[in-house]
Amino acid sequence: MLHYAIVFFVIALIAAVFGFGGIAASAVGIAKILFFVFVVLAVLSFVASLFRRG
C-alpha cells in the first residue's frame, strides 16, 4: 500500500510540473489517503504482534 501512495505522489509531482493542477491535486489526495491507511494498518499489525507474543 505504501508503494501505491508513493506512485500517486510521483504522478502528482509529474502532473504539477506539466501544469495539470486538478490531476495533481487529485493524485495528492489519493496518496494522502493511502499513506494514512498504510500507517493505521502498520500500527495495528505491530500492536497485534505484541499481543500475540504475550
Protein backbone atom coordinates (compact mmCIF):
# COMPACT_ATOMS: atom_id res chain seq x y z
CA MET A 1 0.00 0.00 0.00
CA LEU A 2 2.91 2.33 0.70
CA HIS A 3 4.08 1.60 -2.83
CA TYR A 4 0.79 2.89 -4.26
CA ALA A 5 1.00 6.03 -2.11
CA ILE A 6 4.47 6.75 -3.47
CA VAL A 7 3.31 6.08 -7.04
CA PHE A 8 0.42 8.53 -6.71
CA PHE A 9 2.77 11.10 -5.16
CA VAL A 10 5.14 10.79 -8.12
CA ILE A 11 2.19 11.11 -10.51
CA ALA A 12 1.16 14.27 -8.66
CA LEU A 13 4.66 15.71 -8.95
CA ILE A 14 4.83 15.00 -12.67
CA ALA A 15 1.35 16.43 -13.25
CA ALA A 16 2.26 19.56 -11.28
CA VAL A 17 5.42 20.07 -13.35
CA PHE A 18 3.41 19.91 -16.57
CA GLY A 19 0.73 22.25 -15.21
CA PHE A 20 -2.15 19.86 -14.64
CA GLY A 21 -3.27 21.29 -11.30
CA GLY A 22 -6.52 19.35 -10.98
CA ILE A 23 -4.91 16.00 -11.68
CA ALA A 24 -2.05 16.80 -9.31
CA ALA A 25 -4.45 17.73 -6.52
CA SER A 26 -6.42 14.53 -7.02
CA ALA A 27 -3.29 12.39 -7.02
CA VAL A 28 -2.02 14.06 -3.85
CA GLY A 29 -5.37 13.43 -2.16
CA ILE A 30 -5.27 9.75 -3.09
CA ALA A 31 -1.64 9.49 -1.95
CA LYS A 32 -2.51 11.02 1.43
CA ILE A 33 -5.39 8.62 1.97
CA LEU A 34 -3.30 5.59 1.02
CA PHE A 35 -0.44 6.72 3.24
CA PHE A 36 -2.66 7.13 6.30
CA VAL A 37 -4.35 3.77 5.65
CA PHE A 38 -0.86 2.23 5.47
CA VAL A 39 0.15 3.86 8.76
CA VAL A 40 -3.01 2.67 10.53
CA LEU A 41 -2.59 -0.88 9.24
CA ALA A 42 1.10 -0.91 10.19
CA VAL A 43 0.32 0.23 13.75
CA LEU A 44 -2.49 -2.33 14.08
CA SER A 45 -0.16 -5.06 12.85
CA PHE A 46 2.51 -4.00 15.33
CA VAL A 47 0.04 -3.97 18.24
CA ALA A 48 -1.40 -7.35 17.21
CA SER A 49 2.08 -8.87 17.10
CA LEU A 50 2.78 -7.54 20.61
CA PHE A 51 -0.38 -9.20 21.96
CA ARG A 52 0.34 -12.42 20.10
CA ARG A 53 3.78 -12.77 21.70
CA GLY A 54 2.21 -12.25 25.08
